[in-house]
Amino acid sequence: AQAGNDGWWLGRADFYLDPKTKAVKGLKYRLIKISDGLPEDPATRQAVEAEKKLLPAGIGRVIGKSRRGLSKDYVGFWAAELLKDFGKAELGVINTGGVRSEIYRGEITPADIYEILPFNDRVAVFEIDGAELLRSKRLGYFYFSRGPKITAGRTYRVSSIDYLVKIADFPGARNVQIFDSPLRQVMIERIEKDRGLSRFWEK
């Protein structure tokens, strides 16, 4: 079950489950606002601490700063440009669902990038016909970098993530090359180099 998002609410459901018929009876559900007065659950705290131990060292260090908040869409298009640049491609493409957070005003740490890209997606470069790229663009589920005009019948070099290749979002992808580097690490290194999310493609 899910009680909203972003940790605002705790959901509580009380019901009776008949062990013979498996029927649910007397279901009551309510949302509880999470506040400082709510007692901490020891098992949840233990699970969170165990996960923290799996994170790499230095995840809290400052790698850059942002003078203003940057929306999820801004970060998505920026990531598409980063993919294009890293893969030396004509276009960079990433799915909107792959970008999970935004950049807040102030210091940026690797932990922030883990929130934006919580998956271990690696950079994948491939060739594909423009007709398929146009189909993907029409769906509206992707962030596209700047690049040449897309025309059906022409082959383009595209840089994206291996997940999209694996689930056949680009079924016509050819000559696929998958890098060892996770996109998350590429993003961290770029931000650390530029001390923020610079418009590096304009330099």
N, C-alpha and C. Protein backbone atom coordinates (compact mmCIF):
# COMPACT_ATOMS: atom_id res chain seq x y z
N ALA A 1 0.85 -1.19 0.00
CA ALA A 1 0.00 0.00 0.00
C ALA A 1 0.89 1.24 0.00
N GLN A 2 0.35 2.32 -0.49
CA GLN A 2 1.11 3.57 -0.57
C GLN A 2 0.28 4.71 -0.03
N ALA A 3 0.90 5.53 0.82
CA ALA A 3 0.20 6.67 1.41
C ALA A 3 0.78 7.96 0.86
N GLY A 4 0.40 8.29 -0.36
CA GLY A 4 0.89 9.52 -0.96
C GLY A 4 2.36 9.38 -1.34
N ASN A 5 3.10 10.49 -1.20
CA ASN A 5 4.51 10.48 -1.59
C ASN A 5 5.30 11.47 -0.75
N ASP A 6 6.63 11.39 -0.87
CA ASP A 6 7.56 12.33 -0.23
C ASP A 6 7.53 12.30 1.30
N GLY A 7 6.99 11.23 1.88
CA GLY A 7 7.04 11.10 3.34
C GLY A 7 6.16 12.04 4.12
N TRP A 8 5.08 12.52 3.51
CA TRP A 8 4.18 13.44 4.22
C TRP A 8 3.20 12.70 5.13
N TRP A 9 2.82 11.48 4.73
CA TRP A 9 1.75 10.78 5.43
C TRP A 9 2.16 9.35 5.78
N LEU A 10 1.60 8.87 6.86
CA LEU A 10 1.68 7.47 7.23
C LEU A 10 0.28 6.90 7.07
N GLY A 11 0.15 5.79 6.37
CA GLY A 11 -1.17 5.20 6.18
C GLY A 11 -1.40 4.06 7.16
N ARG A 12 -2.56 4.02 7.77
CA ARG A 12 -2.90 2.91 8.68
C ARG A 12 -4.20 2.27 8.21
N ALA A 13 -4.15 0.95 8.03
CA ALA A 13 -5.33 0.19 7.63
C ALA A 13 -5.61 -0.88 8.69
N ASP A 14 -6.83 -0.95 9.17
CA ASP A 14 -7.26 -1.98 10.12
C ASP A 14 -8.39 -2.77 9.47
N PHE A 15 -8.27 -4.09 9.51
CA PHE A 15 -9.33 -4.92 8.93
C PHE A 15 -9.24 -6.33 9.50
N TYR A 16 -10.29 -7.10 9.27
CA TYR A 16 -10.33 -8.49 9.70
C TYR A 16 -10.26 -9.38 8.45
N LEU A 17 -9.31 -10.32 8.46
CA LEU A 17 -9.17 -11.26 7.35
C LEU A 17 -9.63 -12.62 7.83
N ASP A 18 -10.69 -13.14 7.20
CA ASP A 18 -11.20 -14.46 7.54
C ASP A 18 -10.20 -15.51 7.05
N PRO A 19 -9.61 -16.30 7.95
CA PRO A 19 -8.58 -17.26 7.53
C PRO A 19 -9.10 -18.38 6.63
N LYS A 20 -10.40 -18.62 6.68
CA LYS A 20 -10.96 -19.69 5.85
C LYS A 20 -11.34 -19.19 4.45
N THR A 21 -12.09 -18.10 4.41
CA THR A 21 -12.59 -17.60 3.12
C THR A 21 -11.65 -16.56 2.50
N LYS A 22 -10.70 -16.08 3.29
CA LYS A 22 -9.78 -15.02 2.85
C LYS A 22 -10.49 -13.69 2.57
N ALA A 23 -11.73 -13.60 3.03
CA ALA A 23 -12.50 -12.37 2.81
C ALA A 23 -12.05 -11.29 3.79
N VAL A 24 -12.02 -10.05 3.33
CA VAL A 24 -11.65 -8.91 4.16
C VAL A 24 -12.93 -8.24 4.66
N LYS A 25 -12.97 -8.01 5.96
CA LYS A 25 -14.16 -7.39 6.55
C LYS A 25 -13.75 -6.21 7.43
N GLY A 26 -14.67 -5.25 7.53
CA GLY A 26 -14.47 -4.12 8.44
C GLY A 26 -13.26 -3.27 8.14
N LEU A 27 -12.95 -3.05 6.86
CA LEU A 27 -11.78 -2.27 6.50
C LEU A 27 -11.94 -0.80 6.89
N LYS A 28 -10.98 -0.31 7.65
CA LYS A 28 -10.93 1.11 8.01
C LYS A 28 -9.54 1.62 7.68
N TYR A 29 -9.49 2.78 7.04
CA TYR A 29 -8.20 3.33 6.60
C TYR A 29 -8.14 4.81 6.92
N ARG A 30 -6.96 5.25 7.36
CA ARG A 30 -6.81 6.68 7.62
C ARG A 30 -5.37 7.10 7.35
N LEU A 31 -5.21 8.38 7.04
CA LEU A 31 -3.89 8.98 6.83
C LEU A 31 -3.48 9.71 8.10
N ILE A 32 -2.22 9.51 8.50
CA ILE A 32 -1.70 10.16 9.70
C ILE A 32 -0.58 11.10 9.26
N LYS A 33 -0.73 12.37 9.55
CA LYS A 33 0.28 13.36 9.18
C LYS A 33 1.58 13.08 9.93
N ILE A 34 2.68 12.96 9.18
CA ILE A 34 3.97 12.72 9.80
C ILE A 34 4.51 14.02 10.40
N SER A 35 4.86 13.97 11.68
CA SER A 35 5.36 15.15 12.39
C SER A 35 6.40 14.71 13.41
N ASP A 36 7.03 15.69 14.06
CA ASP A 36 8.04 15.38 15.07
C ASP A 36 7.45 14.62 16.25
N GLY A 37 6.16 14.77 16.48
CA GLY A 37 5.53 14.11 17.61
C GLY A 37 5.23 12.64 17.39
N LEU A 38 5.39 12.19 16.15
CA LEU A 38 5.11 10.78 15.83
C LEU A 38 6.29 9.92 16.26
N PRO A 39 6.07 8.88 17.06
CA PRO A 39 7.20 8.05 17.52
C PRO A 39 7.89 7.34 16.35
N GLU A 40 9.19 7.22 16.46
CA GLU A 40 9.98 6.56 15.41
C GLU A 40 9.82 5.06 15.50
N ASP A 41 9.75 4.40 14.34
CA ASP A 41 9.65 2.95 14.30
C ASP A 41 11.06 2.35 14.26
N PRO A 42 11.45 1.60 15.27
CA PRO A 42 12.82 1.06 15.35
C PRO A 42 13.20 0.19 14.15
N ALA A 43 12.27 -0.62 13.65
CA ALA A 43 12.57 -1.51 12.52
C ALA A 43 12.86 -0.71 11.25
N THR A 44 12.09 0.37 11.06
CA THR A 44 12.31 1.22 9.89
C THR A 44 13.65 1.93 10.00
N ARG A 45 13.97 2.44 11.19
CA ARG A 45 15.26 3.09 11.41
C ARG A 45 16.41 2.13 11.14
N GLN A 46 16.26 0.88 11.59
CA GLN A 46 17.30 -0.12 11.37
C GLN A 46 17.49 -0.41 9.89
N ALA A 47 16.38 -0.48 9.14
CA ALA A 47 16.44 -0.75 7.70
C ALA A 47 17.12 0.41 6.97
N VAL A 48 16.80 1.64 7.35
CA VAL A 48 17.39 2.82 6.73
C VAL A 48 18.90 2.87 7.00
N GLU A 49 19.29 2.59 8.24
CA GLU A 49 20.72 2.63 8.59
C GLU A 49 21.49 1.54 7.84
N ALA A 50 20.86 0.37 7.65
CA ALA A 50 21.51 -0.72 6.92
C ALA A 50 21.74 -0.32 5.46
N GLU A 51 20.77 0.38 4.86
CA GLU A 51 20.91 0.84 3.48
C GLU A 51 21.99 1.91 3.36
N LYS A 52 22.08 2.78 4.36
CA LYS A 52 23.09 3.84 4.33
C LYS A 52 24.51 3.27 4.29
N LYS A 53 24.70 2.13 4.95
CA LYS A 53 26.03 1.51 4.99
C LYS A 53 26.46 1.00 3.62
N LEU A 54 25.50 0.81 2.72
CA LEU A 54 25.81 0.31 1.38
C LEU A 54 26.20 1.44 0.43
N LEU A 55 25.99 2.68 0.86
CA LEU A 55 26.31 3.82 0.00
C LEU A 55 27.82 4.05 -0.03
N PRO A 56 28.35 4.56 -1.15
CA PRO A 56 29.79 4.79 -1.24
C PRO A 56 30.26 5.90 -0.34
N ALA A 57 31.55 5.86 -0.01
CA ALA A 57 32.14 6.89 0.84
C ALA A 57 32.13 8.24 0.12
N GLY A 58 31.99 9.30 0.89
CA GLY A 58 32.03 10.65 0.32
C GLY A 58 30.74 11.09 -0.33
N ILE A 59 29.65 10.38 -0.06
CA ILE A 59 28.38 10.72 -0.72
C ILE A 59 27.81 12.05 -0.22
N GLY A 60 28.30 12.51 0.93
CA GLY A 60 27.79 13.77 1.47
C GLY A 60 28.67 14.96 1.16
N ARG A 61 29.76 14.75 0.42
CA ARG A 61 30.67 15.87 0.13
C ARG A 61 30.02 16.84 -0.86
N VAL A 62 30.46 18.08 -0.84
CA VAL A 62 29.92 19.09 -1.76
C VAL A 62 30.67 19.01 -3.08
N ILE A 63 29.92 18.84 -4.18
CA ILE A 63 30.53 18.78 -5.51
C ILE A 63 30.18 20.00 -6.36
N GLY A 64 29.29 20.82 -5.89
CA GLY A 64 28.91 22.01 -6.65
C GLY A 64 27.83 22.79 -5.93
N LYS A 65 27.41 23.89 -6.55
CA LYS A 65 26.36 24.71 -5.98
C LYS A 65 25.40 25.16 -7.08
N SER A 66 24.18 25.44 -6.67
CA SER A 66 23.20 25.99 -7.60
C SER A 66 22.62 27.25 -6.99
N ARG A 67 22.62 28.33 -7.77
CA ARG A 67 22.11 29.59 -7.24
C ARG A 67 20.59 29.64 -7.18
N ARG A 68 19.95 28.66 -7.82
CA ARG A 68 18.49 28.60 -7.78
C ARG A 68 18.05 27.14 -7.90
N GLY A 69 16.79 26.90 -7.57
CA GLY A 69 16.26 25.57 -7.73
C GLY A 69 16.05 25.24 -9.20
N LEU A 70 16.34 24.00 -9.57
CA LEU A 70 16.21 23.57 -10.96
C LEU A 70 15.19 22.42 -11.00
N SER A 71 14.16 22.58 -11.81
CA SER A 71 13.07 21.61 -11.86
C SER A 71 13.52 20.26 -12.40
N LYS A 72 12.68 19.27 -12.21
CA LYS A 72 12.96 17.93 -12.73
C LYS A 72 13.10 17.95 -14.25
N ASP A 73 12.28 18.75 -14.92
CA ASP A 73 12.38 18.85 -16.37
C ASP A 73 13.71 19.47 -16.79
N TYR A 74 14.14 20.50 -16.06
CA TYR A 74 15.44 21.12 -16.37
C TYR A 74 16.55 20.08 -16.24
N VAL A 75 16.53 19.33 -15.14
CA VAL A 75 17.55 18.31 -14.91
C VAL A 75 17.47 17.22 -15.99
N GLY A 76 16.25 16.88 -16.43
CA GLY A 76 16.08 15.87 -17.46
C GLY A 76 16.70 16.27 -18.78
N PHE A 77 16.45 17.50 -19.20
CA PHE A 77 17.04 17.98 -20.45
C PHE A 77 18.55 18.14 -20.31
N TRP A 78 19.00 18.55 -19.12
CA TRP A 78 20.44 18.66 -18.87
C TRP A 78 21.11 17.28 -18.96
N ALA A 79 20.44 16.27 -18.41
CA ALA A 79 20.97 14.90 -18.47
C ALA A 79 21.04 14.40 -19.92
N ALA A 80 20.05 14.78 -20.74
CA ALA A 80 20.07 14.40 -22.16
C ALA A 80 21.27 15.03 -22.86
N GLU A 81 21.56 16.29 -22.52
CA GLU A 81 22.73 16.96 -23.10
C GLU A 81 24.02 16.27 -22.63
N LEU A 82 24.04 15.86 -21.36
CA LEU A 82 25.21 15.18 -20.81
C LEU A 82 25.44 13.86 -21.53
N LEU A 83 24.37 13.12 -21.77
CA LEU A 83 24.48 11.86 -22.51
C LEU A 83 25.04 12.08 -23.90
N LYS A 84 24.52 13.08 -24.57
CA LYS A 84 25.00 13.40 -25.92
C LYS A 84 26.49 13.71 -25.90
N ASP A 85 26.92 14.52 -24.94
CA ASP A 85 28.32 14.92 -24.85
C ASP A 85 29.21 13.74 -24.49
N PHE A 86 28.82 12.95 -23.51
CA PHE A 86 29.63 11.83 -23.05
C PHE A 86 29.77 10.75 -24.13
N GLY A 87 28.66 10.48 -24.83
CA GLY A 87 28.68 9.44 -25.85
C GLY A 87 29.13 9.91 -27.22
N LYS A 88 29.50 11.20 -27.32
CA LYS A 88 29.91 11.78 -28.60
C LYS A 88 28.88 11.44 -29.68
N ALA A 89 27.64 11.70 -29.34
CA ALA A 89 26.51 11.35 -30.22
C ALA A 89 25.88 12.61 -30.81
N GLU A 90 24.94 12.37 -31.73
CA GLU A 90 24.20 13.49 -32.32
C GLU A 90 23.05 13.91 -31.43
N LEU A 91 22.52 12.94 -30.68
CA LEU A 91 21.39 13.21 -29.79
C LEU A 91 21.56 12.43 -28.49
N GLY A 92 21.07 13.03 -27.41
CA GLY A 92 21.00 12.34 -26.12
C GLY A 92 19.54 12.19 -25.74
N VAL A 93 19.16 11.03 -25.24
CA VAL A 93 17.76 10.76 -24.89
C VAL A 93 17.69 10.00 -23.57
N ILE A 94 16.80 10.44 -22.68
CA ILE A 94 16.55 9.72 -21.44
C ILE A 94 15.06 9.77 -21.14
N ASN A 95 14.53 8.71 -20.56
CA ASN A 95 13.10 8.68 -20.24
C ASN A 95 12.78 9.58 -19.06
N THR A 96 11.60 10.18 -19.09
CA THR A 96 11.20 11.10 -18.02
C THR A 96 11.10 10.37 -16.68
N GLY A 97 10.72 9.08 -16.70
CA GLY A 97 10.62 8.32 -15.46
C GLY A 97 11.96 7.99 -14.84
N GLY A 98 13.03 8.15 -15.61
CA GLY A 98 14.36 7.86 -15.09
C GLY A 98 14.94 8.99 -14.26
N VAL A 99 14.31 10.16 -14.33
CA VAL A 99 14.77 11.33 -13.57
C VAL A 99 13.76 11.57 -12.45
N ARG A 100 14.18 11.31 -11.20
CA ARG A 100 13.23 11.23 -10.11
C ARG A 100 13.18 12.42 -9.16
N SER A 101 14.06 13.39 -9.34
CA SER A 101 14.05 14.52 -8.41
C SER A 101 14.58 15.76 -9.11
N GLU A 102 14.70 16.82 -8.35
CA GLU A 102 15.17 18.10 -8.87
C GLU A 102 16.44 18.53 -8.14
N ILE A 103 16.98 19.66 -8.52
CA ILE A 103 18.13 20.24 -7.83
C ILE A 103 17.62 21.41 -7.00
N TYR A 104 17.96 21.41 -5.72
CA TYR A 104 17.52 22.48 -4.84
C TYR A 104 18.60 23.57 -4.76
N ARG A 105 18.18 24.74 -4.42
CA ARG A 105 19.12 25.87 -4.30
C ARG A 105 20.14 25.59 -3.21
N GLY A 106 21.41 25.88 -3.51
CA GLY A 106 22.45 25.68 -2.52
C GLY A 106 23.45 24.61 -2.93
N GLU A 107 24.02 23.95 -1.95
CA GLU A 107 25.06 22.96 -2.21
C GLU A 107 24.50 21.69 -2.83
N ILE A 108 25.31 21.10 -3.71
CA ILE A 108 24.93 19.84 -4.37
C ILE A 108 25.91 18.77 -3.91
N THR A 109 25.39 17.61 -3.53
CA THR A 109 26.21 16.48 -3.10
C THR A 109 25.89 15.26 -3.95
N PRO A 110 26.76 14.24 -3.95
CA PRO A 110 26.43 13.00 -4.66
C PRO A 110 25.11 12.38 -4.18
N ALA A 111 24.78 12.59 -2.91
CA ALA A 111 23.51 12.07 -2.40
C ALA A 111 22.32 12.66 -3.16
N ASP A 112 22.43 13.93 -3.56
CA ASP A 112 21.37 14.56 -4.35
C ASP A 112 21.24 13.87 -5.71
N ILE A 113 22.37 13.50 -6.29
CA ILE A 113 22.35 12.84 -7.60
C ILE A 113 21.77 11.44 -7.49
N TYR A 114 22.02 10.78 -6.36
CA TYR A 114 21.41 9.47 -6.13
C TYR A 114 19.88 9.59 -6.07
N GLU A 115 19.38 10.69 -5.56
CA GLU A 115 17.92 10.89 -5.54
C GLU A 115 17.39 11.15 -6.94
N ILE A 116 18.17 11.87 -7.74
CA ILE A 116 17.74 12.15 -9.12
C ILE A 116 17.79 10.90 -9.97
N LEU A 117 18.88 10.14 -9.85
CA LEU A 117 19.08 8.92 -10.64
C LEU A 117 19.31 7.75 -9.68
N PRO A 118 18.24 7.18 -9.12
CA PRO A 118 18.40 6.11 -8.13
C PRO A 118 18.74 4.74 -8.72
N PHE A 119 18.79 4.65 -10.05
CA PHE A 119 19.03 3.36 -10.70
C PHE A 119 20.48 3.27 -11.19
N ASN A 120 20.93 2.04 -11.40
CA ASN A 120 22.30 1.81 -11.87
C ASN A 120 22.38 1.77 -13.40
N ASP A 121 21.64 2.66 -14.05
CA ASP A 121 21.63 2.69 -15.52
C ASP A 121 22.98 3.13 -16.05
N ARG A 122 23.46 2.40 -17.06
CA ARG A 122 24.73 2.74 -17.70
C ARG A 122 24.47 3.45 -19.03
N VAL A 123 25.46 4.17 -19.49
CA VAL A 123 25.34 4.88 -20.76
C VAL A 123 25.41 3.88 -21.91
N ALA A 124 24.50 4.01 -22.85
CA ALA A 124 24.46 3.15 -24.03
C ALA A 124 24.41 4.03 -25.28
N VAL A 125 25.25 3.72 -26.24
CA VAL A 125 25.28 4.46 -27.51
C VAL A 125 24.92 3.50 -28.63
N PHE A 126 24.08 3.97 -29.55
CA PHE A 126 23.64 3.09 -30.64
C PHE A 126 23.26 3.92 -31.85
N GLU A 127 23.02 3.22 -32.95
CA GLU A 127 22.54 3.84 -34.18
C GLU A 127 21.08 3.45 -34.38
N ILE A 128 20.30 4.38 -34.89
CA ILE A 128 18.87 4.12 -35.05
C ILE A 128 18.29 5.01 -36.14
N ASP A 129 17.24 4.53 -36.80
CA ASP A 129 16.59 5.31 -37.86
C ASP A 129 15.77 6.45 -37.25
N GLY A 130 15.74 7.55 -37.95
CA GLY A 130 14.99 8.71 -37.50
C GLY A 130 13.52 8.46 -37.30
N ALA A 131 12.95 7.50 -38.04
CA ALA A 131 11.52 7.18 -37.90
C ALA A 131 11.21 6.72 -36.48
N GLU A 132 12.10 5.93 -35.90
CA GLU A 132 11.88 5.45 -34.54
C GLU A 132 12.05 6.56 -33.52
N LEU A 133 12.99 7.46 -33.78
CA LEU A 133 13.17 8.59 -32.87
C LEU A 133 11.95 9.50 -32.89
N LEU A 134 11.38 9.70 -34.07
CA LEU A 134 10.18 10.52 -34.18
C LEU A 134 9.01 9.88 -33.43
N ARG A 135 8.92 8.56 -33.52
CA ARG A 135 7.86 7.84 -32.79
C ARG A 135 8.04 8.05 -31.29
N SER A 136 9.27 7.92 -30.81
CA SER A 136 9.55 8.10 -29.38
C SER A 136 9.25 9.53 -28.93
N LYS A 137 9.59 10.49 -29.77
CA LYS A 137 9.37 11.90 -29.43
C LYS A 137 7.88 12.20 -29.31
N ARG A 138 7.09 11.60 -30.18
CA ARG A 138 5.63 11.83 -30.14
C ARG A 138 5.01 11.29 -28.86
N LEU A 139 5.59 10.26 -28.27
CA LEU A 139 5.04 9.67 -27.06
C LEU A 139 5.11 10.64 -25.88
N GLY A 140 6.12 11.52 -25.88
CA GLY A 140 6.24 12.51 -24.82
C GLY A 140 6.82 11.96 -23.52
N TYR A 141 7.43 10.77 -23.57
CA TYR A 141 7.98 10.15 -22.37
C TYR A 141 9.49 10.32 -22.26
N PHE A 142 10.06 11.16 -23.10
CA PHE A 142 11.51 11.26 -23.15
C PHE A 142 11.98 12.71 -23.15
N TYR A 143 13.17 12.90 -22.58
CA TYR A 143 13.86 14.18 -22.71
C TYR A 143 14.87 14.03 -23.84
N PHE A 144 14.80 14.92 -24.82
CA PHE A 144 15.72 14.92 -25.96
C PHE A 144 16.68 16.09 -25.84
N SER A 145 17.95 15.85 -26.14
CA SER A 145 18.92 16.93 -26.19
C SER A 145 18.68 17.76 -27.45
N ARG A 146 19.41 18.83 -27.56
CA ARG A 146 19.43 19.57 -28.81
C ARG A 146 20.21 18.74 -29.82
N GLY A 147 19.94 18.98 -31.09
CA GLY A 147 20.63 18.21 -32.12
C GLY A 147 20.06 18.49 -33.49
N PRO A 148 20.46 17.71 -34.47
CA PRO A 148 19.98 17.93 -35.83
C PRO A 148 18.50 17.61 -35.97
N LYS A 149 17.90 18.13 -36.99
CA LYS A 149 16.50 17.83 -37.27
C LYS A 149 16.37 16.33 -37.55
N ILE A 150 15.35 15.71 -36.92
CA ILE A 150 15.16 14.27 -37.08
C ILE A 150 14.32 14.00 -38.31
N THR A 151 14.83 13.17 -39.19
CA THR A 151 14.16 12.83 -40.44
C THR A 151 14.08 11.32 -40.60
N ALA A 152 12.92 10.81 -40.94
CA ALA A 152 12.76 9.38 -41.18
C ALA A 152 13.65 8.95 -42.35
N GLY A 153 14.29 7.80 -42.21
CA GLY A 153 15.15 7.29 -43.27
C GLY A 153 16.62 7.61 -43.07
N ARG A 154 16.90 8.51 -42.13
CA ARG A 154 18.30 8.84 -41.84
C ARG A 154 18.72 8.15 -40.55
N THR A 155 19.96 7.66 -40.50
CA THR A 155 20.50 7.00 -39.31
C THR A 155 21.16 8.02 -38.40
N TYR A 156 20.88 7.93 -37.10
CA TYR A 156 21.43 8.85 -36.11
C TYR A 156 22.22 8.07 -35.06
N ARG A 157 23.25 8.70 -34.54
CA ARG A 157 24.00 8.15 -33.41
C ARG A 157 23.40 8.75 -32.14
N VAL A 158 22.87 7.89 -31.28
CA VAL A 158 22.14 8.32 -30.09
C VAL A 158 22.81 7.78 -28.83
N SER A 159 22.87 8.60 -27.81
CA SER A 159 23.38 8.19 -26.50
C SER A 159 22.22 8.21 -25.51
N SER A 160 22.01 7.07 -24.83
CA SER A 160 20.90 6.95 -23.90
C SER A 160 21.35 6.09 -22.72
N ILE A 161 20.44 5.30 -22.14
CA ILE A 161 20.79 4.41 -21.04
C ILE A 161 20.46 2.96 -21.43
N ASP A 162 21.23 2.02 -20.87
CA ASP A 162 21.08 0.62 -21.25
C ASP A 162 19.70 0.06 -20.91
N TYR A 163 19.05 0.60 -19.88
CA TYR A 163 17.72 0.12 -19.50
C TYR A 163 16.72 0.25 -20.64
N LEU A 164 16.76 1.38 -21.33
CA LEU A 164 15.81 1.60 -22.44
C LEU A 164 16.09 0.65 -23.60
N VAL A 165 17.35 0.29 -23.79
CA VAL A 165 17.69 -0.68 -24.84
C VAL A 165 17.19 -2.06 -24.44
N LYS A 166 17.37 -2.41 -23.15
CA LYS A 166 16.98 -3.74 -22.66
C LYS A 166 15.47 -3.97 -22.74
N ILE A 167 14.69 -2.94 -22.46
CA ILE A 167 13.23 -3.11 -22.50
C ILE A 167 12.67 -2.80 -23.88
N ALA A 168 13.55 -2.65 -24.86
CA ALA A 168 13.18 -2.48 -26.26
C ALA A 168 12.36 -1.22 -26.51
N ASP A 169 12.67 -0.14 -25.80
CA ASP A 169 12.05 1.15 -26.13
C ASP A 169 12.59 1.67 -27.46
N PHE A 170 13.76 1.16 -27.85
CA PHE A 170 14.34 1.48 -29.16
C PHE A 170 14.61 0.15 -29.88
N PRO A 171 13.55 -0.52 -30.34
CA PRO A 171 13.71 -1.86 -30.93
C PRO A 171 14.61 -1.90 -32.16
N GLY A 172 14.77 -0.77 -32.84
CA GLY A 172 15.61 -0.75 -34.03
C GLY A 172 17.05 -0.35 -33.77
N ALA A 173 17.45 -0.30 -32.50
CA ALA A 173 18.82 0.10 -32.16
C ALA A 173 19.83 -0.89 -32.72
N ARG A 174 20.87 -0.36 -33.34
CA ARG A 174 21.91 -1.20 -33.94
C ARG A 174 23.28 -0.78 -33.41
N ASN A 175 24.23 -1.71 -33.47
CA ASN A 175 25.61 -1.44 -33.05
C ASN A 175 25.64 -0.81 -31.66
N VAL A 176 24.98 -1.47 -30.73
CA VAL A 176 24.86 -0.94 -29.37
C VAL A 176 26.19 -1.10 -28.61
N GLN A 177 26.62 0.00 -28.01
CA GLN A 177 27.81 -0.01 -27.16
C GLN A 177 27.40 0.45 -25.77
N ILE A 178 27.66 -0.39 -24.76
CA ILE A 178 27.30 -0.05 -23.38
C ILE A 178 28.57 0.23 -22.58
N PHE A 179 28.63 1.39 -21.98
CA PHE A 179 29.78 1.79 -21.19
C PHE A 179 29.70 1.21 -19.78
N ASP A 180 30.83 1.09 -19.13
CA ASP A 180 30.86 0.62 -17.75
C ASP A 180 30.32 1.68 -16.79
N SER A 181 30.44 2.92 -17.17
CA SER A 181 30.08 4.03 -16.28
C SER A 181 28.56 4.17 -16.13
N PRO A 182 28.05 4.14 -14.89
CA PRO A 182 26.64 4.48 -14.68
C PRO A 182 26.43 5.96 -14.99
N LEU A 183 25.28 6.30 -15.52
CA LEU A 183 24.99 7.70 -15.82
C LEU A 183 25.11 8.55 -14.56
N ARG A 184 24.72 8.00 -13.43
CA ARG A 184 24.80 8.74 -12.16
C ARG A 184 26.23 9.21 -11.89
N GLN A 185 27.22 8.33 -12.13
CA GLN A 185 28.61 8.69 -11.88
C GLN A 185 29.10 9.74 -12.88
N VAL A 186 28.64 9.60 -14.14
CA VAL A 186 28.99 10.58 -15.17
C VAL A 186 28.47 11.96 -14.76
N MET A 187 27.24 11.99 -14.23
CA MET A 187 26.65 13.26 -13.80
C MET A 187 27.42 13.85 -12.63
N ILE A 188 27.78 13.02 -11.65
CA ILE A 188 28.53 13.50 -10.49
C ILE A 188 29.86 14.11 -10.93
N GLU A 189 30.56 13.42 -11.81
CA GLU A 189 31.87 13.90 -12.28
C GLU A 189 31.74 15.21 -13.04
N ARG A 190 30.67 15.35 -13.84
CA ARG A 190 30.49 16.59 -14.61
C ARG A 190 30.18 17.77 -13.69
N ILE A 191 29.30 17.55 -12.73
CA ILE A 191 28.94 18.61 -11.80
C ILE A 191 30.15 19.02 -10.97
N GLU A 192 30.95 18.02 -10.55
CA GLU A 192 32.14 18.33 -9.76
C GLU A 192 33.15 19.11 -10.60
N LYS A 193 33.28 18.76 -11.86
CA LYS A 193 34.21 19.47 -12.74
C LYS A 193 33.78 20.92 -12.94
N ASP A 194 32.47 21.14 -13.16
CA ASP A 194 31.96 22.48 -13.44
C ASP A 194 31.52 23.22 -12.17
N ARG A 195 31.56 22.54 -11.03
CA ARG A 195 31.11 23.10 -9.75
C ARG A 195 29.62 23.46 -9.77
N GLY A 196 28.86 22.77 -10.59
CA GLY A 196 27.43 23.00 -10.69
C GLY A 196 26.90 22.50 -12.02
N LEU A 197 25.63 22.77 -12.30
CA LEU A 197 25.03 22.35 -13.57
C LEU A 197 25.20 23.46 -14.60
N SER A 198 26.39 23.55 -15.15
CA SER A 198 26.65 24.60 -16.13
C SER A 198 26.08 24.20 -17.49
N ARG A 199 25.91 25.18 -18.35
CA ARG A 199 25.47 24.92 -19.73
C ARG A 199 26.73 24.63 -20.56
N PHE A 200 27.32 23.47 -20.27
CA PHE A 200 28.62 23.12 -20.83
C PHE A 200 28.60 23.04 -22.35
N TRP A 201 27.44 22.77 -22.95
CA TRP A 201 27.38 22.62 -24.41
C TRP A 201 27.51 23.95 -25.13
N GLU A 202 27.42 25.05 -24.38
CA GLU A 202 27.55 26.37 -24.99
C GLU A 202 28.98 26.91 -24.90
N LYS A 203 29.87 26.16 -24.24
CA LYS A 203 31.24 26.63 -24.07
C LYS A 203 32.02 26.43 -25.35
